[in-house]
Each structure stands twice: as C-alpha cells, then as structure tokens.
Amino acid sequence: MLGSGSKDLSALTLAERLLRQYPLPVLLNLPVEKLETLKGLGPAKASAIKASHELSKRALAVDADVLPTVRSPSDVANAVANIRKNKKENFVILCLNARNQVIRKETISIGSLNASIVHPREVFEPAIRESAASIVLAHNHPSGDTKPSDDDIELTRRLVKAGEIMGIEVLDHVIVSEKKHLSMKEKGCLGPGPSTESMLSLSKHSG
C-alpha cells in the first residue's frame, strides 16, 4: 500500500515508523485526514490505506449464506456451467462444508479421464486443505452424451473408497454436457447401495 515509500524513506522503513507510532488496529482506524498528516504519507497513500482496510472489513463481513448451495444434480451442473461447452474433458471437484455450501471449486485435470490421470491425492488435497465435510465430482463430455464410460465408473468408485478411508464422503459424480447432465449416484454408479437414491440425500448434511 505504501508503494515505493516516500522521498526520504523506503516503504519498509516508512511502514516500521508508522507501526512504532501506532499499533496496526489504531493506525487502520485513523481518519484519512489524520493519516495524511503523518510523515511520509499524503492523500494518495492515506486513501489507499483506508480503502484497503474498508475492503478487508467488507470481505470478512460477507454472510456465509451467499455461498452457493448444492442439493441436487442441477445445482452441481449450474456450479460447473463454465465447463459444459469445453472441447476437452475437465474434471472438477466441489468442496462442501457441513451446510452443503461450495467453499472451493477446483479443476483437477483436463483431458480424458482414467485412473492414471486423476489420482486420489490430487482430488482430496483441496478438500483436506479446506476442511471440507464432503465433495462432489463433476466432469464434462464434449460429445454431448452424458452416459458414464467404464473409466468414469472405475475412477468414481476408486475415489469413493478413498473418501471413505479419509472420512470425506463423495456425494455424487455429475457428468455434464452443453444441454444436459447425469448423476452417477442416481444411476447407481458410485458402488453398492440403492441405485435410486437421489442427490437430494445431500440434505442430511445440512446444519
């Protein structure tokens, strides 16, 4: 925020001087008129400090309820709408909190899916980092046909088993195309269990 500092002081020296004068919480809450009078600052730097502080406060005050919520395959398809028209297969994971809100979306790989390209460590690393309660998998089929391939099914079941070991449930794997989508959970492709179980079972994770 201090750029190159002032005429007589480097940015680092200026920052150290300011923090010797005022603890950081006090400094950030000074009115801009007061900041302008501090040696080494001026209207531009004072305004930058106030604007950055205000932006930080607003970011921290964002209501968690604005996070997108996933409760159905349609919600998943909407969350990955950016990959629906892609010419290559994009494999994406959605990390969810205990309220089924998306706290991170990450593209794991681009290209045809198979177990050698998509490894559990790459899939679950973001989920572990974000302390996700569960994850949803998604990828696109450029052909427009959302029917899961044998590789899709094999990979999904491998990741479901890995999730069971790590305590991070794989709730569904949704295949999308430009005009439609398919839930592998609803088709019974996640492994043993009722094939008719709907993604709506996500509600059991809501807080």
C-alpha atoms as a PDB file:
ATOM      1  CA  MET A   1       0.000   0.000   0.000  1.00  0.00           C
ATOM      2  CA  LEU A   2       2.954   2.315   0.552  1.00  0.00           C
ATOM      3  CA  GLY A   3       4.327   1.751  -2.937  1.00  0.00           C
ATOM      4  CA  SER A   4       7.980   2.835  -3.149  1.00  0.00           C
ATOM      5  CA  GLY A   5       7.784   4.728   0.128  1.00  0.00           C
ATOM      6  CA  SER A   6       8.480   8.466   0.325  1.00  0.00           C
ATOM      7  CA  LYS A   7      11.210  10.771  -0.900  1.00  0.00           C
ATOM      8  CA  ASP A   8      13.321  10.192   2.216  1.00  0.00           C
ATOM      9  CA  LEU A   9      12.175   6.760   3.387  1.00  0.00           C
ATOM     10  CA  SER A  10      11.844   3.319   1.800  1.00  0.00           C
ATOM     11  CA  ALA A  11       8.447   1.633   2.020  1.00  0.00           C
ATOM     12  CA  LEU A  12       9.791  -0.777   4.652  1.00  0.00           C
ATOM     13  CA  THR A  13      11.299   1.982   6.790  1.00  0.00           C
ATOM     14  CA  LEU A  14       8.144   4.063   6.463  1.00  0.00           C
ATOM     15  CA  ALA A  15       5.971   1.100   7.471  1.00  0.00           C
ATOM     16  CA  GLU A  16       8.155   0.391  10.519  1.00  0.00           C
ATOM     17  CA  ARG A  17       7.997   4.036  11.574  1.00  0.00           C
ATOM     18  CA  LEU A  18       4.223   4.161  11.265  1.00  0.00           C
ATOM     19  CA  LEU A  19       3.818   0.970  13.280  1.00  0.00           C
ATOM     20  CA  ARG A  20       6.107   2.325  16.001  1.00  0.00           C
ATOM     21  CA  GLN A  21       3.811   5.333  16.266  1.00  0.00           C
ATOM     22  CA  TYR A  22       0.544   3.423  16.183  1.00  0.00           C
ATOM     23  CA  PRO A  23      -0.456  -0.211  16.726  1.00  0.00           C
ATOM     24  CA  LEU A  24      -1.879  -1.588  13.482  1.00  0.00           C
ATOM     25  CA  PRO A  25      -5.567  -1.611  14.597  1.00  0.00           C
ATOM     26  CA  VAL A  26      -5.226   2.030  15.695  1.00  0.00           C
ATOM     27  CA  LEU A  27      -3.420   3.038  12.508  1.00  0.00           C
ATOM     28  CA  LEU A  28      -6.032   1.458  10.254  1.00  0.00           C
ATOM     29  CA  ASN A  29      -8.856   3.220  12.090  1.00  0.00           C
ATOM     30  CA  LEU A  30      -7.374   6.703  11.934  1.00  0.00           C
ATOM     31  CA  PRO A  31      -9.434   9.085   9.790  1.00  0.00           C
ATOM     32  CA  VAL A  32      -7.947   9.763   6.387  1.00  0.00           C
ATOM     33  CA  GLU A  33      -7.418  13.394   7.348  1.00  0.00           C
ATOM     34  CA  LYS A  34      -5.150  12.278  10.191  1.00  0.00           C
ATOM     35  CA  LEU A  35      -3.295   9.757   8.035  1.00  0.00           C
ATOM     36  CA  GLU A  36      -2.474  12.480   5.518  1.00  0.00           C
ATOM     37  CA  THR A  37      -0.589  14.419   8.177  1.00  0.00           C
ATOM     38  CA  LEU A  38       1.759  11.565   9.108  1.00  0.00           C
ATOM     39  CA  LYS A  39       5.289  11.971   7.795  1.00  0.00           C
ATOM     40  CA  GLY A  40       5.832  10.009   4.616  1.00  0.00           C
ATOM     41  CA  LEU A  41       2.161   9.761   3.776  1.00  0.00           C
ATOM     42  CA  GLY A  42      -0.051  12.013   1.706  1.00  0.00           C
ATOM     43  CA  PRO A  43      -3.545  11.973   0.233  1.00  0.00           C
ATOM     44  CA  ALA A  44      -2.826   9.074  -2.153  1.00  0.00           C
ATOM     45  CA  LYS A  45      -1.189   6.711   0.358  1.00  0.00           C
ATOM     46  CA  ALA A  46      -3.651   7.649   3.096  1.00  0.00           C
ATOM     47  CA  SER A  47      -6.582   6.897   0.773  1.00  0.00           C
ATOM     48  CA  ALA A  48      -5.008   3.573  -0.265  1.00  0.00           C
ATOM     49  CA  ILE A  49      -4.680   2.507   3.378  1.00  0.00           C
ATOM     50  CA  LYS A  50      -8.287   3.436   4.188  1.00  0.00           C
ATOM     51  CA  ALA A  51      -9.654   1.786   1.033  1.00  0.00           C
ATOM     52  CA  SER A  52      -7.748  -1.452   1.685  1.00  0.00           C
ATOM     53  CA  HIS A  53      -8.948  -1.546   5.265  1.00  0.00           C
ATOM     54  CA  GLU A  54     -12.557  -0.995   4.226  1.00  0.00           C
ATOM     55  CA  LEU A  55     -12.335  -3.693   1.554  1.00  0.00           C
ATOM     56  CA  SER A  56     -10.924  -6.164   4.088  1.00  0.00           C
ATOM     57  CA  LYS A  57     -13.740  -5.420   6.548  1.00  0.00           C
ATOM     58  CA  ARG A  58     -16.365  -5.937   3.868  1.00  0.00           C
ATOM     59  CA  ALA A  59     -14.797  -9.209   2.735  1.00  0.00           C
ATOM     60  CA  LEU A  60     -14.785 -10.556   6.296  1.00  0.00           C
ATOM     61  CA  ALA A  61     -18.358  -9.440   6.849  1.00  0.00           C
ATOM     62  CA  VAL A  62     -19.796 -11.367   3.892  1.00  0.00           C
ATOM     63  CA  ASP A  63     -22.648 -13.590   5.055  1.00  0.00           C
ATOM     64  CA  ALA A  64     -21.857 -17.271   4.612  1.00  0.00           C
ATOM     65  CA  ASP A  65     -25.347 -17.768   3.200  1.00  0.00           C
ATOM     66  CA  VAL A  66     -24.272 -16.155  -0.089  1.00  0.00           C
ATOM     67  CA  LEU A  67     -22.159 -19.225  -0.837  1.00  0.00           C
ATOM     68  CA  PRO A  68     -23.756 -21.438  -3.492  1.00  0.00           C
ATOM     69  CA  THR A  69     -25.555 -24.443  -2.032  1.00  0.00           C
ATOM     70  CA  VAL A  70     -25.564 -27.879  -3.652  1.00  0.00           C
ATOM     71  CA  ARG A  71     -28.608 -30.069  -3.022  1.00  0.00           C
ATOM     72  CA  SER A  72     -29.292 -31.635  -6.419  1.00  0.00           C
ATOM     73  CA  PRO A  73     -27.512 -32.655  -9.621  1.00  0.00           C
ATOM     74  CA  SER A  74     -28.925 -29.490 -11.214  1.00  0.00           C
ATOM     75  CA  ASP A  75     -27.137 -27.409  -8.592  1.00  0.00           C
ATOM     76  CA  VAL A  76     -23.907 -29.180  -9.455  1.00  0.00           C
ATOM     77  CA  ALA A  77     -24.444 -28.611 -13.175  1.00  0.00           C
ATOM     78  CA  ASN A  78     -25.009 -24.921 -12.512  1.00  0.00           C
ATOM     79  CA  ALA A  79     -21.878 -24.722 -10.373  1.00  0.00           C
ATOM     80  CA  VAL A  80     -19.733 -26.096 -13.210  1.00  0.00           C
ATOM     81  CA  ALA A  81     -21.533 -24.311 -16.045  1.00  0.00           C
ATOM     82  CA  ASN A  82     -18.185 -22.941 -17.247  1.00  0.00           C
ATOM     83  CA  ILE A  83     -17.033 -26.395 -18.436  1.00  0.00           C
ATOM     84  CA  ARG A  84     -20.215 -27.540 -20.185  1.00  0.00           C
ATOM     85  CA  LYS A  85     -19.129 -26.368 -23.658  1.00  0.00           C
ATOM     86  CA  ASN A  86     -15.440 -27.191 -23.334  1.00  0.00           C
ATOM     87  CA  LYS A  87     -13.877 -29.231 -26.128  1.00  0.00           C
ATOM     88  CA  LYS A  88     -11.788 -31.294 -23.693  1.00  0.00           C
ATOM     89  CA  GLU A  89     -12.919 -33.151 -20.606  1.00  0.00           C
ATOM     90  CA  ASN A  90     -12.448 -31.089 -17.459  1.00  0.00           C
ATOM     91  CA  PHE A  91     -12.542 -32.906 -14.129  1.00  0.00           C
ATOM     92  CA  VAL A  92     -13.681 -30.632 -11.290  1.00  0.00           C
ATOM     93  CA  ILE A  93     -14.306 -31.111  -7.594  1.00  0.00           C
ATOM     94  CA  LEU A  94     -16.626 -29.058  -5.424  1.00  0.00           C
ATOM     95  CA  CYS A  95     -15.623 -28.923  -1.767  1.00  0.00           C
ATOM     96  CA  LEU A  96     -18.637 -28.538   0.523  1.00  0.00           C
ATOM     97  CA  ASN A  97     -18.996 -27.500   4.127  1.00  0.00           C
ATOM     98  CA  ALA A  98     -21.438 -29.121   6.552  1.00  0.00           C
ATOM     99  CA  ARG A  99     -24.262 -26.972   5.113  1.00  0.00           C
ATOM    100  CA  ASN A 100     -23.625 -28.216   1.557  1.00  0.00           C
ATOM    101  CA  GLN A 101     -22.234 -24.833   0.550  1.00  0.00           C
ATOM    102  CA  VAL A 102     -19.437 -24.721  -2.012  1.00  0.00           C
ATOM    103  CA  ILE A 103     -16.320 -23.454  -0.261  1.00  0.00           C
ATOM    104  CA  ARG A 104     -13.926 -24.264  -3.107  1.00  0.00           C
ATOM    105  CA  LYS A 105     -14.109 -25.340  -6.725  1.00  0.00           C
ATOM    106  CA  GLU A 106     -11.006 -26.698  -8.376  1.00  0.00           C
ATOM    107  CA  THR A 107     -10.158 -28.184 -11.758  1.00  0.00           C
ATOM    108  CA  ILE A 108      -8.082 -31.303 -11.148  1.00  0.00           C
ATOM    109  CA  SER A 109      -7.318 -32.357 -14.712  1.00  0.00           C
ATOM    110  CA  ILE A 110      -8.020 -31.598 -18.339  1.00  0.00           C
ATOM    111  CA  GLY A 111      -8.146 -34.494 -20.792  1.00  0.00           C
ATOM    112  CA  SER A 112      -9.712 -37.949 -20.989  1.00  0.00           C
ATOM    113  CA  LEU A 113     -10.420 -39.396 -17.560  1.00  0.00           C
ATOM    114  CA  ASN A 114      -8.766 -42.510 -16.254  1.00  0.00           C
ATOM    115  CA  ALA A 115      -7.248 -43.651 -13.011  1.00  0.00           C
ATOM    116  CA  SER A 116      -3.702 -42.810 -14.083  1.00  0.00           C
ATOM    117  CA  ILE A 117      -4.543 -39.144 -14.791  1.00  0.00           C
ATOM    118  CA  VAL A 118      -6.840 -38.426 -11.837  1.00  0.00           C
ATOM    119  CA  HIS A 119      -5.162 -39.579  -8.646  1.00  0.00           C
ATOM    120  CA  PRO A 120      -6.900 -39.512  -5.236  1.00  0.00           C
ATOM    121  CA  ARG A 121      -4.174 -37.331  -3.724  1.00  0.00           C
ATOM    122  CA  GLU A 122      -4.862 -34.562  -6.263  1.00  0.00           C
ATOM    123  CA  VAL A 123      -8.607 -34.882  -5.753  1.00  0.00           C
ATOM    124  CA  PHE A 124      -8.641 -34.837  -1.963  1.00  0.00           C
ATOM    125  CA  GLU A 125      -5.794 -32.391  -1.360  1.00  0.00           C
ATOM    126  CA  PRO A 126      -8.014 -29.278  -1.766  1.00  0.00           C
ATOM    127  CA  ALA A 127     -10.742 -30.899   0.349  1.00  0.00           C
ATOM    128  CA  ILE A 128      -8.305 -31.612   3.169  1.00  0.00           C
ATOM    129  CA  ARG A 129      -6.847 -28.121   2.925  1.00  0.00           C
ATOM    130  CA  GLU A 130     -10.309 -26.552   3.170  1.00  0.00           C
ATOM    131  CA  SER A 131     -11.521 -28.960   5.889  1.00  0.00           C
ATOM    132  CA  ALA A 132     -14.411 -29.940   3.608  1.00  0.00           C
ATOM    133  CA  ALA A 133     -17.184 -32.077   5.025  1.00  0.00           C
ATOM    134  CA  SER A 134     -17.760 -33.741   1.654  1.00  0.00           C
ATOM    135  CA  ILE A 135     -17.047 -33.351  -2.047  1.00  0.00           C
ATOM    136  CA  VAL A 136     -18.893 -33.655  -5.323  1.00  0.00           C
ATOM    137  CA  LEU A 137     -17.157 -34.690  -8.527  1.00  0.00           C
ATOM    138  CA  ALA A 138     -18.060 -33.360 -11.950  1.00  0.00           C
ATOM    139  CA  HIS A 139     -16.746 -33.523 -15.475  1.00  0.00           C
ATOM    140  CA  ASN A 140     -17.967 -32.709 -18.952  1.00  0.00           C
ATOM    141  CA  HIS A 141     -18.473 -34.897 -22.010  1.00  0.00           C
ATOM    142  CA  PRO A 142     -17.702 -32.836 -25.129  1.00  0.00           C
ATOM    143  CA  SER A 143     -19.587 -35.411 -27.242  1.00  0.00           C
ATOM    144  CA  GLY A 144     -22.879 -34.372 -25.641  1.00  0.00           C
ATOM    145  CA  ASP A 145     -23.585 -37.922 -24.455  1.00  0.00           C
ATOM    146  CA  THR A 146     -23.641 -37.945 -20.645  1.00  0.00           C
ATOM    147  CA  LYS A 147     -23.652 -41.737 -20.297  1.00  0.00           C
ATOM    148  CA  PRO A 148     -20.743 -42.709 -17.974  1.00  0.00           C
ATOM    149  CA  SER A 149     -17.934 -44.701 -19.537  1.00  0.00           C
ATOM    150  CA  ASP A 150     -16.310 -47.701 -17.894  1.00  0.00           C
ATOM    151  CA  ASP A 151     -13.366 -45.435 -16.983  1.00  0.00           C
ATOM    152  CA  ASP A 152     -15.775 -42.936 -15.394  1.00  0.00           C
ATOM    153  CA  ILE A 153     -17.310 -45.656 -13.238  1.00  0.00           C
ATOM    154  CA  GLU A 154     -13.979 -47.223 -12.282  1.00  0.00           C
ATOM    155  CA  LEU A 155     -12.472 -43.871 -11.330  1.00  0.00           C
ATOM    156  CA  THR A 156     -15.536 -42.795  -9.359  1.00  0.00           C
ATOM    157  CA  ARG A 157     -15.646 -45.978  -7.282  1.00  0.00           C
ATOM    158  CA  ARG A 158     -11.934 -45.677  -6.601  1.00  0.00           C
ATOM    159  CA  LEU A 159     -12.420 -42.131  -5.299  1.00  0.00           C
ATOM    160  CA  VAL A 160     -15.454 -43.141  -3.233  1.00  0.00           C
ATOM    161  CA  LYS A 161     -13.340 -45.782  -1.485  1.00  0.00           C
ATOM    162  CA  ALA A 162     -10.517 -43.286  -0.921  1.00  0.00           C
ATOM    163  CA  GLY A 163     -13.010 -40.850   0.565  1.00  0.00           C
ATOM    164  CA  GLU A 164     -14.318 -43.500   2.944  1.00  0.00           C
ATOM    165  CA  ILE A 165     -10.788 -44.048   4.232  1.00  0.00           C
ATOM    166  CA  MET A 166     -10.204 -40.310   4.751  1.00  0.00           C
ATOM    167  CA  GLY A 167     -13.632 -39.559   6.162  1.00  0.00           C
ATOM    168  CA  ILE A 168     -14.602 -37.240   3.296  1.00  0.00           C
ATOM    169  CA  GLU A 169     -17.734 -38.518   1.583  1.00  0.00           C
ATOM    170  CA  VAL A 170     -18.043 -38.377  -2.193  1.00  0.00           C
ATOM    171  CA  LEU A 171     -21.693 -37.394  -2.535  1.00  0.00           C
ATOM    172  CA  ASP A 172     -22.058 -37.665  -6.294  1.00  0.00           C
ATOM    173  CA  HIS A 173     -20.302 -37.518  -9.642  1.00  0.00           C
ATOM    174  CA  VAL A 174     -22.214 -35.446 -12.160  1.00  0.00           C
ATOM    175  CA  ILE A 175     -21.476 -35.633 -15.876  1.00  0.00           C
ATOM    176  CA  VAL A 176     -22.444 -32.552 -17.841  1.00  0.00           C
ATOM    177  CA  SER A 177     -22.704 -31.648 -21.496  1.00  0.00           C
ATOM    178  CA  GLU A 178     -23.821 -28.473 -23.177  1.00  0.00           C
ATOM    179  CA  LYS A 179     -27.527 -29.297 -22.841  1.00  0.00           C
ATOM    180  CA  LYS A 180     -27.937 -31.970 -20.155  1.00  0.00           C
ATOM    181  CA  HIS A 181     -26.419 -33.639 -17.137  1.00  0.00           C
ATOM    182  CA  LEU A 182     -26.432 -37.024 -15.398  1.00  0.00           C
ATOM    183  CA  SER A 183     -26.000 -38.027 -11.761  1.00  0.00           C
ATOM    184  CA  MET A 184     -23.892 -41.145 -11.410  1.00  0.00           C
ATOM    185  CA  LYS A 185     -25.303 -41.590  -7.906  1.00  0.00           C
ATOM    186  CA  GLU A 186     -28.845 -41.760  -9.234  1.00  0.00           C
ATOM    187  CA  LYS A 187     -27.677 -44.351 -11.777  1.00  0.00           C
ATOM    188  CA  GLY A 188     -26.111 -46.495  -9.032  1.00  0.00           C
ATOM    189  CA  CYS A 189     -22.561 -46.000 -10.313  1.00  0.00           C
ATOM    190  CA  LEU A 190     -20.944 -44.998  -7.031  1.00  0.00           C
ATOM    191  CA  GLY A 191     -20.830 -48.538  -5.745  1.00  0.00           C
ATOM    192  CA  PRO A 192     -23.085 -50.713  -3.564  1.00  0.00           C
ATOM    193  CA  GLY A 193     -26.302 -49.076  -2.482  1.00  0.00           C
ATOM    194  CA  PRO A 194     -29.761 -48.204  -3.778  1.00  0.00           C
ATOM    195  CA  SER A 195     -29.441 -47.045  -7.363  1.00  0.00           C
ATOM    196  CA  THR A 196     -32.495 -44.855  -6.990  1.00  0.00           C
ATOM    197  CA  GLU A 197     -31.049 -42.825  -4.120  1.00  0.00           C
ATOM    198  CA  SER A 198     -31.251 -39.200  -5.132  1.00  0.00           C
ATOM    199  CA  MET A 199     -28.773 -36.435  -4.735  1.00  0.00           C
ATOM    200  CA  LEU A 200     -31.409 -34.862  -2.503  1.00  0.00           C
ATOM    201  CA  SER A 201     -29.942 -37.007   0.257  1.00  0.00           C
ATOM    202  CA  LEU A 202     -27.409 -34.220   0.500  1.00  0.00           C
ATOM    203  CA  SER A 203     -29.877 -32.594   2.870  1.00  0.00           C
ATOM    204  CA  LYS A 204     -28.734 -34.937   5.603  1.00  0.00           C
ATOM    205  CA  HIS A 205     -25.527 -32.898   5.763  1.00  0.00           C
ATOM    206  CA  SER A 206     -27.251 -29.579   6.267  1.00  0.00           C
ATOM    207  CA  GLY A 207     -26.722 -27.837   9.571  1.00  0.00           C
END
